[in-house]
């Protein structure tokens, strides 16, 4: 390994000088032994070539690193300071092979994770917590995005792992690697006031499908969440109910807030029952058979299989 030092020293006779690690090791050995004979023995070489190498080093630097007398050798003030930097370079060079192996295993570096908003209320906290406990030296960055956008940024290698909702047809991009993470049932979100007022069909225990189909529906626009949108519209179609969206919103939290205002009803992943919102009530619908499927997708250039294993362990911990 070689290091290039720009000529910034007025006494240096070269415009550009390339130093290798061998020269640094020789300098450090002499600086620590303060004896050319012992340093040469430590380096498994004879003394004359070592003395010549140190002299050449000083000449190339245009600086005096050692004070020599017939009886002893000592570092100059500049040599003492340079020793600190030389040791640091050698330590870093020694660590490089291990660093490369740790990077390959995913134990160092950075993990870029994208996720749909629904994951934030289900598996995402457990996944991130478990991963950081297992790989404390990996920096984790998070980015919220819809599933379709995540596929694009995964293919462009802008993120390493994405938590996406699987389309109903189960079509997944073949350039990516996937792992099933979570199958989550949907629950109805209805205005609490409708239950308190005793509105027909809203008794707080069981919501009849016909009553839900007849209510104003609040839902994601299809362009923002095609898989979720198709899941809901497909259920209406299966039951012969007219499908019409009364109000659109791009965040589930916003949708639940609109329900709380009394605007209409919605369907949400069961994990969102953790989101308490005054004016909104969650009703578990045993009549709604379909579930939301969440998958973890690995980017094309991301090589760490340990990451997906960690995702699996976090999933088990969440369950």
C-alpha atoms as a PDB file:
ATOM      1  CA  UNK A   1       0.000   0.000   0.000  1.00  0.00           C
ATOM      2  CA  UNK A   2       1.291   3.447  -0.887  1.00  0.00           C
ATOM      3  CA  UNK A   3       0.401   6.941   0.254  1.00  0.00           C
ATOM      4  CA  UNK A   4       0.936  10.104  -1.765  1.00  0.00           C
ATOM      5  CA  UNK A   5       1.880  13.301   0.039  1.00  0.00           C
ATOM      6  CA  UNK A   6       1.596  16.614  -1.837  1.00  0.00           C
ATOM      7  CA  UNK A   7       4.650  18.793  -1.583  1.00  0.00           C
ATOM      8  CA  UNK A   8       3.744  21.414   1.001  1.00  0.00           C
ATOM      9  CA  UNK A   9       7.088  21.555   2.741  1.00  0.00           C
ATOM     10  CA  UNK A  10       9.576  24.124   1.490  1.00  0.00           C
ATOM     11  CA  UNK A  11      12.513  21.836   2.176  1.00  0.00           C
ATOM     12  CA  UNK A  12      11.086  18.868   0.278  1.00  0.00           C
ATOM     13  CA  UNK A  13      12.994  18.549  -3.032  1.00  0.00           C
ATOM     14  CA  UNK A  14      10.237  16.568  -4.797  1.00  0.00           C
ATOM     15  CA  UNK A  15       6.991  17.854  -6.323  1.00  0.00           C
ATOM     16  CA  UNK A  16       5.336  14.530  -5.574  1.00  0.00           C
ATOM     17  CA  UNK A  17       6.468  11.754  -3.279  1.00  0.00           C
ATOM     18  CA  UNK A  18       4.986   8.290  -2.854  1.00  0.00           C
ATOM     19  CA  UNK A  19       5.524   6.534   0.455  1.00  0.00           C
ATOM     20  CA  UNK A  20       4.850   2.851   1.103  1.00  0.00           C
ATOM     21  CA  UNK A  21       4.000   1.105   4.351  1.00  0.00           C
ATOM     22  CA  UNK A  22       7.441  -0.536   4.505  1.00  0.00           C
ATOM     23  CA  UNK A  23       9.045   2.874   5.093  1.00  0.00           C
ATOM     24  CA  UNK A  24       6.526   3.727   7.784  1.00  0.00           C
ATOM     25  CA  UNK A  25       7.134   0.425   9.594  1.00  0.00           C
ATOM     26  CA  UNK A  26      10.878   1.032   9.529  1.00  0.00           C
ATOM     27  CA  UNK A  27      10.472   4.540  10.908  1.00  0.00           C
ATOM     28  CA  UNK A  28       8.163   3.329  13.694  1.00  0.00           C
ATOM     29  CA  UNK A  29      10.524   0.482  14.626  1.00  0.00           C
ATOM     30  CA  UNK A  30      13.512   2.834  14.978  1.00  0.00           C
ATOM     31  CA  UNK A  31      11.362   5.414  16.808  1.00  0.00           C
ATOM     32  CA  UNK A  32      10.204   2.826  19.341  1.00  0.00           C
ATOM     33  CA  UNK A  33      13.529   1.035  19.819  1.00  0.00           C
ATOM     34  CA  UNK A  34      15.727   4.165  19.576  1.00  0.00           C
ATOM     35  CA  UNK A  35      18.437   1.775  18.435  1.00  0.00           C
ATOM     36  CA  UNK A  36      19.129   0.847  14.800  1.00  0.00           C
ATOM     37  CA  UNK A  37      20.481  -2.592  15.672  1.00  0.00           C
ATOM     38  CA  UNK A  38      17.454  -3.649  17.720  1.00  0.00           C
ATOM     39  CA  UNK A  39      15.090  -2.108  15.155  1.00  0.00           C
ATOM     40  CA  UNK A  40      16.819  -4.026  12.329  1.00  0.00           C
ATOM     41  CA  UNK A  41      16.547  -7.274  14.295  1.00  0.00           C
ATOM     42  CA  UNK A  42      12.850  -6.600  14.933  1.00  0.00           C
ATOM     43  CA  UNK A  43      12.329  -6.046  11.200  1.00  0.00           C
ATOM     44  CA  UNK A  44      14.351  -9.120  10.226  1.00  0.00           C
ATOM     45  CA  UNK A  45      16.869  -7.107   8.244  1.00  0.00           C
ATOM     46  CA  UNK A  46      20.438  -5.937   8.621  1.00  0.00           C
ATOM     47  CA  UNK A  47      21.333  -2.552  10.092  1.00  0.00           C
ATOM     48  CA  UNK A  48      22.990  -0.824   7.069  1.00  0.00           C
ATOM     49  CA  UNK A  49      19.904  -1.008   4.762  1.00  0.00           C
ATOM     50  CA  UNK A  50      17.740   0.247   7.628  1.00  0.00           C
ATOM     51  CA  UNK A  51      20.025   3.207   8.280  1.00  0.00           C
ATOM     52  CA  UNK A  52      20.043   4.012   4.566  1.00  0.00           C
ATOM     53  CA  UNK A  53      16.249   3.776   4.386  1.00  0.00           C
ATOM     54  CA  UNK A  54      15.791   6.217   7.290  1.00  0.00           C
ATOM     55  CA  UNK A  55      18.302   8.621   5.750  1.00  0.00           C
ATOM     56  CA  UNK A  56      16.454   8.439   2.436  1.00  0.00           C
ATOM     57  CA  UNK A  57      13.145   9.037   4.223  1.00  0.00           C
ATOM     58  CA  UNK A  58      14.490  12.164   5.882  1.00  0.00           C
ATOM     59  CA  UNK A  59      15.944  13.332   2.593  1.00  0.00           C
ATOM     60  CA  UNK A  60      12.660  12.806   0.777  1.00  0.00           C
ATOM     61  CA  UNK A  61      10.765  14.650   3.497  1.00  0.00           C
ATOM     62  CA  UNK A  62      13.361  17.355   3.725  1.00  0.00           C
ATOM     63  CA  UNK A  63      12.997  17.013   7.489  1.00  0.00           C
ATOM     64  CA  UNK A  64      15.060  15.621  10.330  1.00  0.00           C
ATOM     65  CA  UNK A  65      13.253  12.887  12.254  1.00  0.00           C
ATOM     66  CA  UNK A  66      16.118  11.636  14.473  1.00  0.00           C
ATOM     67  CA  UNK A  67      19.044  13.125  16.369  1.00  0.00           C
ATOM     68  CA  UNK A  68      21.998  10.748  16.180  1.00  0.00           C
ATOM     69  CA  UNK A  69      25.188  10.572  18.157  1.00  0.00           C
ATOM     70  CA  UNK A  70      27.741   7.787  18.426  1.00  0.00           C
ATOM     71  CA  UNK A  71      26.087   6.629  21.642  1.00  0.00           C
ATOM     72  CA  UNK A  72      22.357   7.107  21.164  1.00  0.00           C
ATOM     73  CA  UNK A  73      19.436   7.904  18.908  1.00  0.00           C
ATOM     74  CA  UNK A  74      16.480  10.080  19.825  1.00  0.00           C
ATOM     75  CA  UNK A  75      13.486  11.518  18.043  1.00  0.00           C
ATOM     76  CA  UNK A  76      13.347  15.176  17.173  1.00  0.00           C
ATOM     77  CA  UNK A  77      10.292  17.118  18.299  1.00  0.00           C
ATOM     78  CA  UNK A  78       8.851  16.817  14.796  1.00  0.00           C
ATOM     79  CA  UNK A  79       9.673  13.094  14.738  1.00  0.00           C
ATOM     80  CA  UNK A  80       7.734  12.558  17.968  1.00  0.00           C
ATOM     81  CA  UNK A  81       4.664  14.207  16.469  1.00  0.00           C
ATOM     82  CA  UNK A  82       4.964  12.363  13.157  1.00  0.00           C
ATOM     83  CA  UNK A  83       5.214   9.029  15.015  1.00  0.00           C
ATOM     84  CA  UNK A  84       1.624   9.479  16.228  1.00  0.00           C
ATOM     85  CA  UNK A  85       0.356   9.805  12.660  1.00  0.00           C
ATOM     86  CA  UNK A  86       2.549   6.991  11.340  1.00  0.00           C
ATOM     87  CA  UNK A  87       1.210   4.581  13.965  1.00  0.00           C
ATOM     88  CA  UNK A  88      -2.344   5.579  13.101  1.00  0.00           C
ATOM     89  CA  UNK A  89      -1.784   4.883   9.392  1.00  0.00           C
ATOM     90  CA  UNK A  90      -0.252   1.474  10.144  1.00  0.00           C
ATOM     91  CA  UNK A  91      -3.053   0.540  12.526  1.00  0.00           C
ATOM     92  CA  UNK A  92      -5.658   1.484   9.915  1.00  0.00           C
ATOM     93  CA  UNK A  93      -3.807  -0.460   7.224  1.00  0.00           C
ATOM     94  CA  UNK A  94      -3.628  -3.531   9.471  1.00  0.00           C
ATOM     95  CA  UNK A  95      -7.356  -3.312  10.116  1.00  0.00           C
ATOM     96  CA  UNK A  96      -8.306  -3.003   6.434  1.00  0.00           C
ATOM     97  CA  UNK A  97      -8.698  -6.769   5.660  1.00  0.00           C
ATOM     98  CA  UNK A  98     -10.918  -7.271   8.706  1.00  0.00           C
ATOM     99  CA  UNK A  99     -12.895  -4.163   7.802  1.00  0.00           C
ATOM    100  CA  UNK A 100     -13.504  -5.530   4.312  1.00  0.00           C
ATOM    101  CA  UNK A 101     -14.791  -8.818   5.743  1.00  0.00           C
ATOM    102  CA  UNK A 102     -17.077  -7.009   8.201  1.00  0.00           C
ATOM    103  CA  UNK A 103     -18.446  -4.841   5.392  1.00  0.00           C
ATOM    104  CA  UNK A 104     -19.145  -7.978   3.344  1.00  0.00           C
ATOM    105  CA  UNK A 105     -20.997  -9.517   6.314  1.00  0.00           C
ATOM    106  CA  UNK A 106     -23.018  -6.343   6.870  1.00  0.00           C
ATOM    107  CA  UNK A 107     -21.422  -5.673  10.269  1.00  0.00           C
ATOM    108  CA  UNK A 108     -20.116  -2.236   9.276  1.00  0.00           C
ATOM    109  CA  UNK A 109     -21.292   0.533   7.006  1.00  0.00           C
ATOM    110  CA  UNK A 110     -24.768   1.816   6.363  1.00  0.00           C
ATOM    111  CA  UNK A 111     -28.187   0.214   5.909  1.00  0.00           C
ATOM    112  CA  UNK A 112     -30.761   2.251   3.966  1.00  0.00           C
ATOM    113  CA  UNK A 113     -34.318   1.112   4.667  1.00  0.00           C
ATOM    114  CA  UNK A 114     -37.500   2.277   2.969  1.00  0.00           C
ATOM    115  CA  UNK A 115     -40.934   1.363   4.296  1.00  0.00           C
ATOM    116  CA  UNK A 116     -44.641   1.856   3.799  1.00  0.00           C
ATOM    117  CA  UNK A 117     -46.368   3.832   6.540  1.00  0.00           C
ATOM    118  CA  UNK A 118     -48.300   0.773   7.742  1.00  0.00           C
ATOM    119  CA  UNK A 119     -45.008  -0.942   8.699  1.00  0.00           C
ATOM    120  CA  UNK A 120     -44.307   1.819  11.203  1.00  0.00           C
ATOM    121  CA  UNK A 121     -47.165   0.491  13.358  1.00  0.00           C
ATOM    122  CA  UNK A 122     -46.296  -3.177  12.964  1.00  0.00           C
ATOM    123  CA  UNK A 123     -42.900  -4.769  12.339  1.00  0.00           C
ATOM    124  CA  UNK A 124     -40.624  -1.800  11.584  1.00  0.00           C
ATOM    125  CA  UNK A 125     -39.780  -0.830  15.208  1.00  0.00           C
ATOM    126  CA  UNK A 126     -38.958  -4.452  16.085  1.00  0.00           C
ATOM    127  CA  UNK A 127     -36.867  -4.927  12.930  1.00  0.00           C
ATOM    128  CA  UNK A 128     -34.808  -1.778  13.497  1.00  0.00           C
ATOM    129  CA  UNK A 129     -34.367  -2.452  17.209  1.00  0.00           C
ATOM    130  CA  UNK A 130     -33.236  -6.038  16.611  1.00  0.00           C
ATOM    131  CA  UNK A 131     -30.886  -5.048  13.774  1.00  0.00           C
ATOM    132  CA  UNK A 132     -29.221  -2.264  15.774  1.00  0.00           C
ATOM    133  CA  UNK A 133     -28.733  -4.616  18.720  1.00  0.00           C
ATOM    134  CA  UNK A 134     -27.146  -7.217  16.418  1.00  0.00           C
ATOM    135  CA  UNK A 135     -25.097  -4.748  14.340  1.00  0.00           C
ATOM    136  CA  UNK A 136     -24.343  -1.717  16.538  1.00  0.00           C
ATOM    137  CA  UNK A 137     -21.698  -0.388  14.127  1.00  0.00           C
ATOM    138  CA  UNK A 138     -24.082  -0.118  11.173  1.00  0.00           C
ATOM    139  CA  UNK A 139     -25.713   3.260  10.572  1.00  0.00           C
ATOM    140  CA  UNK A 140     -29.410   2.849   9.746  1.00  0.00           C
ATOM    141  CA  UNK A 141     -31.242   5.454   7.663  1.00  0.00           C
ATOM    142  CA  UNK A 142     -35.012   5.323   7.128  1.00  0.00           C
ATOM    143  CA  UNK A 143     -37.176   6.610   4.294  1.00  0.00           C
ATOM    144  CA  UNK A 144     -40.962   6.373   4.114  1.00  0.00           C
ATOM    145  CA  UNK A 145     -42.288   5.667   0.622  1.00  0.00           C
ATOM    146  CA  UNK A 146     -45.152   3.959  -1.167  1.00  0.00           C
ATOM    147  CA  UNK A 147     -44.563   0.438  -2.482  1.00  0.00           C
ATOM    148  CA  UNK A 148     -44.344   1.417  -6.149  1.00  0.00           C
ATOM    149  CA  UNK A 149     -41.781   4.116  -5.412  1.00  0.00           C
ATOM    150  CA  UNK A 150     -39.789   1.674  -3.284  1.00  0.00           C
ATOM    151  CA  UNK A 151     -39.452  -0.767  -6.179  1.00  0.00           C
ATOM    152  CA  UNK A 152     -37.971   2.024  -8.305  1.00  0.00           C
ATOM    153  CA  UNK A 153     -35.456   3.173  -5.705  1.00  0.00           C
ATOM    154  CA  UNK A 154     -34.499  -0.430  -4.901  1.00  0.00           C
ATOM    155  CA  UNK A 155     -33.741  -1.027  -8.577  1.00  0.00           C
ATOM    156  CA  UNK A 156     -31.678   2.190  -8.683  1.00  0.00           C
ATOM    157  CA  UNK A 157     -29.744   1.055  -5.586  1.00  0.00           C
ATOM    158  CA  UNK A 158     -30.838   4.145  -3.657  1.00  0.00           C
ATOM    159  CA  UNK A 159     -31.949   1.956  -0.732  1.00  0.00           C
ATOM    160  CA  UNK A 160     -30.828  -1.492   0.430  1.00  0.00           C
ATOM    161  CA  UNK A 161     -34.011  -2.938   1.932  1.00  0.00           C
ATOM    162  CA  UNK A 162     -37.649  -2.031   1.370  1.00  0.00           C
ATOM    163  CA  UNK A 163     -40.790  -3.037   3.253  1.00  0.00           C
ATOM    164  CA  UNK A 164     -43.488  -3.189   0.579  1.00  0.00           C
ATOM    165  CA  UNK A 165     -47.109  -4.289   0.251  1.00  0.00           C
ATOM    166  CA  UNK A 166     -47.464  -7.149  -2.203  1.00  0.00           C
ATOM    167  CA  UNK A 167     -49.890  -6.645  -5.126  1.00  0.00           C
ATOM    168  CA  UNK A 168     -52.944  -8.910  -5.179  1.00  0.00           C
ATOM    169  CA  UNK A 169     -51.651 -10.706  -8.250  1.00  0.00           C
ATOM    170  CA  UNK A 170     -48.472 -11.469  -6.319  1.00  0.00           C
ATOM    171  CA  UNK A 171     -46.328  -9.994  -9.101  1.00  0.00           C
ATOM    172  CA  UNK A 172     -42.932  -9.078  -7.689  1.00  0.00           C
ATOM    173  CA  UNK A 173     -40.061  -7.622  -9.664  1.00  0.00           C
ATOM    174  CA  UNK A 174     -37.741 -10.441 -10.685  1.00  0.00           C
ATOM    175  CA  UNK A 175     -34.585  -8.355 -10.260  1.00  0.00           C
ATOM    176  CA  UNK A 176     -35.174  -8.156  -6.490  1.00  0.00           C
ATOM    177  CA  UNK A 177     -35.107 -10.729  -3.683  1.00  0.00           C
ATOM    178  CA  UNK A 178     -38.096 -10.919  -1.337  1.00  0.00           C
ATOM    179  CA  UNK A 179     -39.007 -12.391   2.020  1.00  0.00           C
ATOM    180  CA  UNK A 180     -42.547 -12.563   3.455  1.00  0.00           C
ATOM    181  CA  UNK A 181     -42.663 -10.505   6.631  1.00  0.00           C
ATOM    182  CA  UNK A 182     -46.218 -10.149   7.842  1.00  0.00           C
ATOM    183  CA  UNK A 183     -49.791 -11.075   6.887  1.00  0.00           C
ATOM    184  CA  UNK A 184     -52.080  -8.638   8.652  1.00  0.00           C
ATOM    185  CA  UNK A 185     -55.903  -8.584   8.777  1.00  0.00           C
ATOM    186  CA  UNK A 186     -57.829  -5.372   8.180  1.00  0.00           C
ATOM    187  CA  UNK A 187     -60.250  -3.786  10.627  1.00  0.00           C
ATOM    188  CA  UNK A 188     -62.997  -1.241  10.098  1.00  0.00           C
ATOM    189  CA  UNK A 189     -62.481   2.299  11.372  1.00  0.00           C
ATOM    190  CA  UNK A 190     -65.763   4.071  12.095  1.00  0.00           C
ATOM    191  CA  UNK A 191     -66.768   7.343  13.769  1.00  0.00           C
ATOM    192  CA  UNK A 192     -67.252   6.793  17.494  1.00  0.00           C
ATOM    193  CA  UNK A 193     -70.189   9.173  17.341  1.00  0.00           C
ATOM    194  CA  UNK A 194     -72.081   6.780  15.078  1.00  0.00           C
ATOM    195  CA  UNK A 195     -71.772   4.072  17.732  1.00  0.00           C
ATOM    196  CA  UNK A 196     -72.739   6.434  20.557  1.00  0.00           C
ATOM    197  CA  UNK A 197     -75.771   7.645  18.610  1.00  0.00           C
ATOM    198  CA  UNK A 198     -76.867   4.066  17.958  1.00  0.00           C
ATOM    199  CA  UNK A 199     -76.778   4.435  14.195  1.00  0.00           C
ATOM    200  CA  UNK A 200     -78.265   1.383  12.510  1.00  0.00           C
ATOM    201  CA  UNK A 201     -75.683  -1.366  12.040  1.00  0.00           C
ATOM    202  CA  UNK A 202     -73.099   0.282  14.305  1.00  0.00           C
ATOM    203  CA  UNK A 203     -73.536  -1.359  17.693  1.00  0.00           C
ATOM    204  CA  UNK A 204     -69.841  -1.382  18.576  1.00  0.00           C
ATOM    205  CA  UNK A 205     -69.495  -5.155  18.432  1.00  0.00           C
ATOM    206  CA  UNK A 206     -70.082  -6.371  14.901  1.00  0.00           C
ATOM    207  CA  UNK A 207     -70.385  -4.376  11.709  1.00  0.00           C
ATOM    208  CA  UNK A 208     -72.552  -5.864   8.974  1.00  0.00           C
ATOM    209  CA  UNK A 209     -70.943  -5.738   5.501  1.00  0.00           C
ATOM    210  CA  UNK A 210     -73.991  -4.044   3.971  1.00  0.00           C
ATOM    211  CA  UNK A 211     -73.750  -1.187   6.479  1.00  0.00           C
ATOM    212  CA  UNK A 212     -70.074  -0.693   5.762  1.00  0.00           C
ATOM    213  CA  UNK A 213     -70.596  -0.757   1.968  1.00  0.00           C
ATOM    214  CA  UNK A 214     -73.337   1.882   2.279  1.00  0.00           C
ATOM    215  CA  UNK A 215     -71.205   4.353   4.252  1.00  0.00           C
ATOM    216  CA  UNK A 216     -68.953   7.029   2.683  1.00  0.00           C
ATOM    217  CA  UNK A 217     -65.558   5.398   2.107  1.00  0.00           C
ATOM    218  CA  UNK A 218     -62.220   7.091   2.830  1.00  0.00           C
ATOM    219  CA  UNK A 219     -59.281   5.479   1.044  1.00  0.00           C
ATOM    220  CA  UNK A 220     -55.829   5.975  -0.440  1.00  0.00           C
ATOM    221  CA  UNK A 221     -55.757   7.092  -4.090  1.00  0.00           C
ATOM    222  CA  UNK A 222     -54.793   4.107  -6.204  1.00  0.00           C
ATOM    223  CA  UNK A 223     -51.632   5.792  -7.532  1.00  0.00           C
ATOM    224  CA  UNK A 224     -50.312   6.091  -3.950  1.00  0.00           C
ATOM    225  CA  UNK A 225     -51.203   2.590  -2.709  1.00  0.00           C
ATOM    226  CA  UNK A 226     -52.318   0.356  -5.597  1.00  0.00           C
ATOM    227  CA  UNK A 227     -52.103  -2.913  -3.629  1.00  0.00           C
ATOM    228  CA  UNK A 228     -54.159  -1.587  -0.714  1.00  0.00           C
ATOM    229  CA  UNK A 229     -56.642   0.126  -3.031  1.00  0.00           C
ATOM    230  CA  UNK A 230     -57.145  -3.052  -5.074  1.00  0.00           C
ATOM    231  CA  UNK A 231     -57.583  -5.094  -1.899  1.00  0.00           C
ATOM    232  CA  UNK A 232     -60.502  -2.913  -0.810  1.00  0.00           C
ATOM    233  CA  UNK A 233     -62.097  -2.411  -4.235  1.00  0.00           C
ATOM    234  CA  UNK A 234     -61.796  -6.135  -4.981  1.00  0.00           C
ATOM    235  CA  UNK A 235     -63.718  -6.980  -1.832  1.00  0.00           C
ATOM    236  CA  UNK A 236     -66.533  -4.641  -2.822  1.00  0.00           C
ATOM    237  CA  UNK A 237     -66.659  -6.311  -6.237  1.00  0.00           C
ATOM    238  CA  UNK A 238     -66.763  -9.826  -4.773  1.00  0.00           C
ATOM    239  CA  UNK A 239     -69.833  -8.901  -2.758  1.00  0.00           C
ATOM    240  CA  UNK A 240     -71.552  -7.110  -5.607  1.00  0.00           C
ATOM    241  CA  UNK A 241     -71.363  -3.768  -3.814  1.00  0.00           C
ATOM    242  CA  UNK A 242     -70.918  -0.497  -5.655  1.00  0.00           C
ATOM    243  CA  UNK A 243     -67.402   0.825  -5.103  1.00  0.00           C
ATOM    244  CA  UNK A 244     -67.035   4.567  -4.698  1.00  0.00           C
ATOM    245  CA  UNK A 245     -64.443   6.587  -2.782  1.00  0.00           C
ATOM    246  CA  UNK A 246     -65.938   9.562  -0.967  1.00  0.00           C
ATOM    247  CA  UNK A 247     -62.635  11.090   0.156  1.00  0.00           C
ATOM    248  CA  UNK A 248     -58.994  10.305  -0.627  1.00  0.00           C
ATOM    249  CA  UNK A 249     -55.937  10.788   1.602  1.00  0.00           C
ATOM    250  CA  UNK A 250     -52.350   9.585   1.200  1.00  0.00           C
ATOM    251  CA  UNK A 251     -51.547   8.851   4.853  1.00  0.00           C
ATOM    252  CA  UNK A 252     -53.326   6.285   7.028  1.00  0.00           C
ATOM    253  CA  UNK A 253     -53.079   8.660   9.989  1.00  0.00           C
ATOM    254  CA  UNK A 254     -54.955  11.282   7.957  1.00  0.00           C
ATOM    255  CA  UNK A 255     -57.583   8.755   6.925  1.00  0.00           C
ATOM    256  CA  UNK A 256     -58.225   7.832  10.555  1.00  0.00           C
ATOM    257  CA  UNK A 257     -58.429  11.517  11.442  1.00  0.00           C
ATOM    258  CA  UNK A 258     -61.073  12.057   8.762  1.00  0.00           C
ATOM    259  CA  UNK A 259     -63.039   9.107  10.140  1.00  0.00           C
ATOM    260  CA  UNK A 260     -62.820  10.664  13.609  1.00  0.00           C
ATOM    261  CA  UNK A 261     -64.373  13.846  12.207  1.00  0.00           C
ATOM    262  CA  UNK A 262     -67.422  11.803  11.141  1.00  0.00           C
ATOM    263  CA  UNK A 263     -66.756  12.056   7.400  1.00  0.00           C
ATOM    264  CA  UNK A 264     -67.018   8.313   6.741  1.00  0.00           C
ATOM    265  CA  UNK A 265     -65.502   4.875   7.299  1.00  0.00           C
ATOM    266  CA  UNK A 266     -62.228   3.220   6.337  1.00  0.00           C
ATOM    267  CA  UNK A 267     -60.304  -0.028   6.499  1.00  0.00           C
ATOM    268  CA  UNK A 268     -56.906  -0.135   8.226  1.00  0.00           C
ATOM    269  CA  UNK A 269     -54.303  -2.784   9.105  1.00  0.00           C
ATOM    270  CA  UNK A 270     -54.975  -4.245  12.537  1.00  0.00           C
ATOM    271  CA  UNK A 271     -51.685  -2.824  13.845  1.00  0.00           C
ATOM    272  CA  UNK A 272     -53.187   0.676  13.532  1.00  0.00           C
ATOM    273  CA  UNK A 273     -55.471  -0.056  16.475  1.00  0.00           C
ATOM    274  CA  UNK A 274     -52.444   1.117  18.487  1.00  0.00           C
ATOM    275  CA  UNK A 275     -53.064   4.603  17.072  1.00  0.00           C
ATOM    276  CA  UNK A 276     -55.622   6.053  19.448  1.00  0.00           C
ATOM    277  CA  UNK A 277     -57.608   8.898  17.961  1.00  0.00           C
ATOM    278  CA  UNK A 278     -60.493  10.587  19.773  1.00  0.00           C
ATOM    279  CA  UNK A 279     -63.614  10.133  17.698  1.00  0.00           C
ATOM    280  CA  UNK A 280     -62.467   6.982  15.878  1.00  0.00           C
ATOM    281  CA  UNK A 281     -63.311   3.392  16.844  1.00  0.00           C
ATOM    282  CA  UNK A 282     -61.868   0.149  15.477  1.00  0.00           C
ATOM    283  CA  UNK A 283     -64.141  -2.804  14.798  1.00  0.00           C
ATOM    284  CA  UNK A 284     -62.693  -6.229  14.063  1.00  0.00           C
ATOM    285  CA  UNK A 285     -64.481  -7.577  10.993  1.00  0.00           C
ATOM    286  CA  UNK A 286     -64.646 -11.335  10.900  1.00  0.00           C
ATOM    287  CA  UNK A 287     -66.405 -10.947   7.538  1.00  0.00           C
ATOM    288  CA  UNK A 288     -63.409  -9.336   5.878  1.00  0.00           C
ATOM    289  CA  UNK A 289     -61.383 -12.375   4.832  1.00  0.00           C
ATOM    290  CA  UNK A 290     -58.526 -10.672   3.011  1.00  0.00           C
ATOM    291  CA  UNK A 291     -55.235  -9.688   4.592  1.00  0.00           C
ATOM    292  CA  UNK A 292     -52.496  -7.219   3.804  1.00  0.00           C
ATOM    293  CA  UNK A 293     -49.191  -8.920   2.872  1.00  0.00           C
ATOM    294  CA  UNK A 294     -45.968  -7.133   3.777  1.00  0.00           C
ATOM    295  CA  UNK A 295     -42.694  -8.273   2.184  1.00  0.00           C
ATOM    296  CA  UNK A 296     -39.075  -7.285   2.662  1.00  0.00           C
ATOM    297  CA  UNK A 297     -37.270  -6.608  -0.611  1.00  0.00           C
ATOM    298  CA  UNK A 298     -33.470  -6.617  -0.991  1.00  0.00           C
ATOM    299  CA  UNK A 299     -31.789  -4.259  -3.447  1.00  0.00           C
ATOM    300  CA  UNK A 300     -29.742  -5.768  -6.279  1.00  0.00           C
ATOM    301  CA  UNK A 301     -26.337  -4.678  -4.958  1.00  0.00           C
ATOM    302  CA  UNK A 302     -27.000  -5.506  -1.316  1.00  0.00           C
ATOM    303  CA  UNK A 303     -25.130  -8.694  -0.445  1.00  0.00           C
ATOM    304  CA  UNK A 304     -25.797  -9.255   3.254  1.00  0.00           C
ATOM    305  CA  UNK A 305     -28.049 -12.274   3.774  1.00  0.00           C
ATOM    306  CA  UNK A 306     -27.677 -11.595   7.501  1.00  0.00           C
ATOM    307  CA  UNK A 307     -29.946  -8.576   7.093  1.00  0.00           C
ATOM    308  CA  UNK A 308     -32.876 -10.684   5.930  1.00  0.00           C
ATOM    309  CA  UNK A 309     -32.137 -13.186   8.687  1.00  0.00           C
ATOM    310  CA  UNK A 310     -32.314 -10.313  11.162  1.00  0.00           C
ATOM    311  CA  UNK A 311     -35.624  -9.254   9.610  1.00  0.00           C
ATOM    312  CA  UNK A 312     -36.923 -12.782  10.163  1.00  0.00           C
ATOM    313  CA  UNK A 313     -35.860 -12.782  13.812  1.00  0.00           C
ATOM    314  CA  UNK A 314     -37.468  -9.396  14.358  1.00  0.00           C
ATOM    315  CA  UNK A 315     -40.650 -10.676  12.740  1.00  0.00           C
ATOM    316  CA  UNK A 316     -40.709 -13.604  15.179  1.00  0.00           C
ATOM    317  CA  UNK A 317     -40.135 -11.213  18.090  1.00  0.00           C
ATOM    318  CA  UNK A 318     -43.024  -9.020  16.885  1.00  0.00           C
ATOM    319  CA  UNK A 319     -45.361 -11.987  16.525  1.00  0.00           C
END
